[in-house]
């Protein structure tokens, strides 16, 4: 009985960690996208200034 409870606890922990890893990956992806967006905007601003 104790083994089964322990197994469920470990499964729940692994499931939780997976969702956390996904959140971190999504946050990193969003930050990367934001950085790309910012650099693209800076390039466009420079192009406008040059014209």
N, C-alpha and C. Protein backbone atom coordinates (compact mmCIF):
# COMPACT_ATOMS: atom_id res chain seq x y z
N UNK A 1 0.83 -1.21 0.00
CA UNK A 1 0.00 0.00 0.00
C UNK A 1 0.86 1.26 0.00
N UNK A 2 1.92 1.24 0.81
CA UNK A 2 2.81 2.40 0.87
C UNK A 2 3.49 2.62 -0.48
N UNK A 3 3.88 1.52 -1.13
CA UNK A 3 4.54 1.61 -2.43
C UNK A 3 3.67 2.28 -3.47
N UNK A 4 2.39 1.94 -3.47
CA UNK A 4 1.45 2.52 -4.44
C UNK A 4 1.29 4.03 -4.20
N UNK A 5 1.18 4.40 -2.95
CA UNK A 5 1.03 5.82 -2.61
C UNK A 5 2.28 6.59 -3.03
N UNK A 6 3.44 6.01 -2.79
CA UNK A 6 4.72 6.64 -3.15
C UNK A 6 4.79 6.81 -4.66
N UNK A 7 4.35 5.76 -5.38
CA UNK A 7 4.37 5.79 -6.84
C UNK A 7 3.48 6.92 -7.37
N UNK A 8 2.30 7.07 -6.79
CA UNK A 8 1.38 8.13 -7.22
C UNK A 8 1.98 9.51 -6.93
N UNK A 9 2.67 9.61 -5.79
CA UNK A 9 3.29 10.88 -5.41
C UNK A 9 4.40 11.25 -6.40
N UNK A 10 5.22 10.27 -6.75
CA UNK A 10 6.31 10.51 -7.71
C UNK A 10 5.73 10.88 -9.07
N UNK A 11 4.67 10.18 -9.48
CA UNK A 11 4.02 10.48 -10.76
C UNK A 11 3.49 11.92 -10.77
N UNK A 12 2.87 12.31 -9.66
CA UNK A 12 2.34 13.68 -9.56
C UNK A 12 3.48 14.70 -9.62
N UNK A 13 4.60 14.40 -8.95
CA UNK A 13 5.75 15.30 -8.97
C UNK A 13 6.31 15.43 -10.38
N UNK A 14 6.44 14.31 -11.08
CA UNK A 14 6.97 14.32 -12.45
C UNK A 14 6.04 15.12 -13.36
N UNK A 15 4.74 14.91 -13.21
CA UNK A 15 3.76 15.63 -14.02
C UNK A 15 3.87 17.14 -13.76
N UNK A 16 4.02 17.51 -12.49
CA UNK A 16 4.17 18.92 -12.11
C UNK A 16 5.45 19.49 -12.72
N UNK A 17 6.55 18.75 -12.61
CA UNK A 17 7.82 19.24 -13.15
C UNK A 17 7.74 19.41 -14.67
N UNK A 18 7.06 18.50 -15.33
CA UNK A 18 6.90 18.63 -16.79
C UNK A 18 6.17 19.92 -17.14
N UNK A 19 5.11 20.22 -16.40
CA UNK A 19 4.37 21.45 -16.71
C UNK A 19 5.25 22.67 -16.43
N UNK A 20 6.08 22.60 -15.38
CA UNK A 20 6.98 23.71 -15.09
C UNK A 20 8.01 23.87 -16.20
N UNK A 21 8.55 22.77 -16.70
CA UNK A 21 9.53 22.82 -17.79
C UNK A 21 8.89 23.44 -19.03
N UNK A 22 7.66 23.06 -19.32
CA UNK A 22 6.94 23.62 -20.47
C UNK A 22 6.76 25.13 -20.28
N UNK A 23 6.39 25.54 -19.06
CA UNK A 23 6.21 26.97 -18.78
C UNK A 23 7.52 27.73 -19.00
N UNK A 24 8.62 27.17 -18.53
CA UNK A 24 9.93 27.81 -18.69
C UNK A 24 10.28 27.91 -20.18
N UNK A 25 10.03 26.84 -20.91
CA UNK A 25 10.32 26.83 -22.35
C UNK A 25 9.47 27.88 -23.07
N UNK A 26 8.19 27.96 -22.70
CA UNK A 26 7.31 28.95 -23.33
C UNK A 26 7.74 30.37 -22.99
N UNK A 27 8.17 30.57 -21.76
CA UNK A 27 8.64 31.89 -21.34
C UNK A 27 9.91 32.27 -22.10
N UNK A 28 10.81 31.30 -22.25
CA UNK A 28 12.05 31.55 -22.99
C UNK A 28 11.74 31.87 -24.45
N UNK A 29 10.80 31.14 -25.02
CA UNK A 29 10.40 31.37 -26.41
C UNK A 29 9.78 32.75 -26.57
N UNK A 30 8.95 33.13 -25.61
CA UNK A 30 8.31 34.45 -25.64
C UNK A 30 9.36 35.54 -25.52
N UNK A 31 10.33 35.34 -24.63
CA UNK A 31 11.39 36.33 -24.45
C UNK A 31 12.21 36.47 -25.72
N UNK A 32 12.49 35.34 -26.36
CA UNK A 32 13.24 35.34 -27.61
C UNK A 32 12.46 36.10 -28.69
N UNK A 33 11.15 35.83 -28.76
CA UNK A 33 10.30 36.52 -29.73
C UNK A 33 10.25 38.01 -29.47
N UNK A 34 10.20 38.36 -28.20
CA UNK A 34 10.17 39.77 -27.80
C UNK A 34 11.48 40.45 -28.20
N UNK A 35 12.59 39.76 -27.98
CA UNK A 35 13.90 40.29 -28.34
C UNK A 35 13.99 40.50 -29.86
N UNK A 36 13.49 39.52 -30.62
CA UNK A 36 13.48 39.64 -32.09
C UNK A 36 12.62 40.82 -32.52
N UNK A 37 11.47 40.94 -31.89
CA UNK A 37 10.56 42.03 -32.21
C UNK A 37 11.22 43.37 -31.92
N UNK A 38 11.91 43.45 -30.79
CA UNK A 38 12.58 44.70 -30.41
C UNK A 38 13.69 45.03 -31.39
N UNK A 39 14.49 44.04 -31.77
CA UNK A 39 15.59 44.32 -32.70
C UNK A 39 15.04 44.69 -34.08
N UNK A 40 13.96 44.06 -34.50
CA UNK A 40 13.34 44.42 -35.78
C UNK A 40 12.83 45.85 -35.75
N UNK A 41 12.24 46.24 -34.63
CA UNK A 41 11.74 47.60 -34.47
C UNK A 41 12.89 48.60 -34.51
N UNK A 42 14.00 48.26 -33.84
CA UNK A 42 15.17 49.14 -33.84
C UNK A 42 15.71 49.31 -35.25
N UNK A 43 15.76 48.23 -36.02
CA UNK A 43 16.25 48.29 -37.40
C UNK A 43 15.33 49.19 -38.23
N UNK A 44 14.02 49.04 -38.07
CA UNK A 44 13.08 49.88 -38.82
C UNK A 44 13.23 51.34 -38.43
N UNK A 45 13.43 51.60 -37.13
CA UNK A 45 13.64 52.98 -36.68
C UNK A 45 14.89 53.57 -37.33
N UNK A 46 15.95 52.78 -37.40
CA UNK A 46 17.18 53.25 -38.02
C UNK A 46 16.96 53.52 -39.51
N UNK A 47 16.23 52.63 -40.18
CA UNK A 47 15.95 52.81 -41.60
C UNK A 47 15.17 54.10 -41.83
N UNK A 48 14.22 54.38 -40.96
CA UNK A 48 13.42 55.60 -41.08
C UNK A 48 14.32 56.83 -40.89
N UNK A 49 15.23 56.75 -39.92
CA UNK A 49 16.13 57.88 -39.65
C UNK A 49 17.07 58.12 -40.83
N UNK A 50 17.51 57.04 -41.48
CA UNK A 50 18.44 57.17 -42.60
C UNK A 50 17.75 57.83 -43.79
N UNK A 51 16.50 57.49 -44.03
CA UNK A 51 15.75 58.07 -45.15
C UNK A 51 15.52 59.52 -44.88
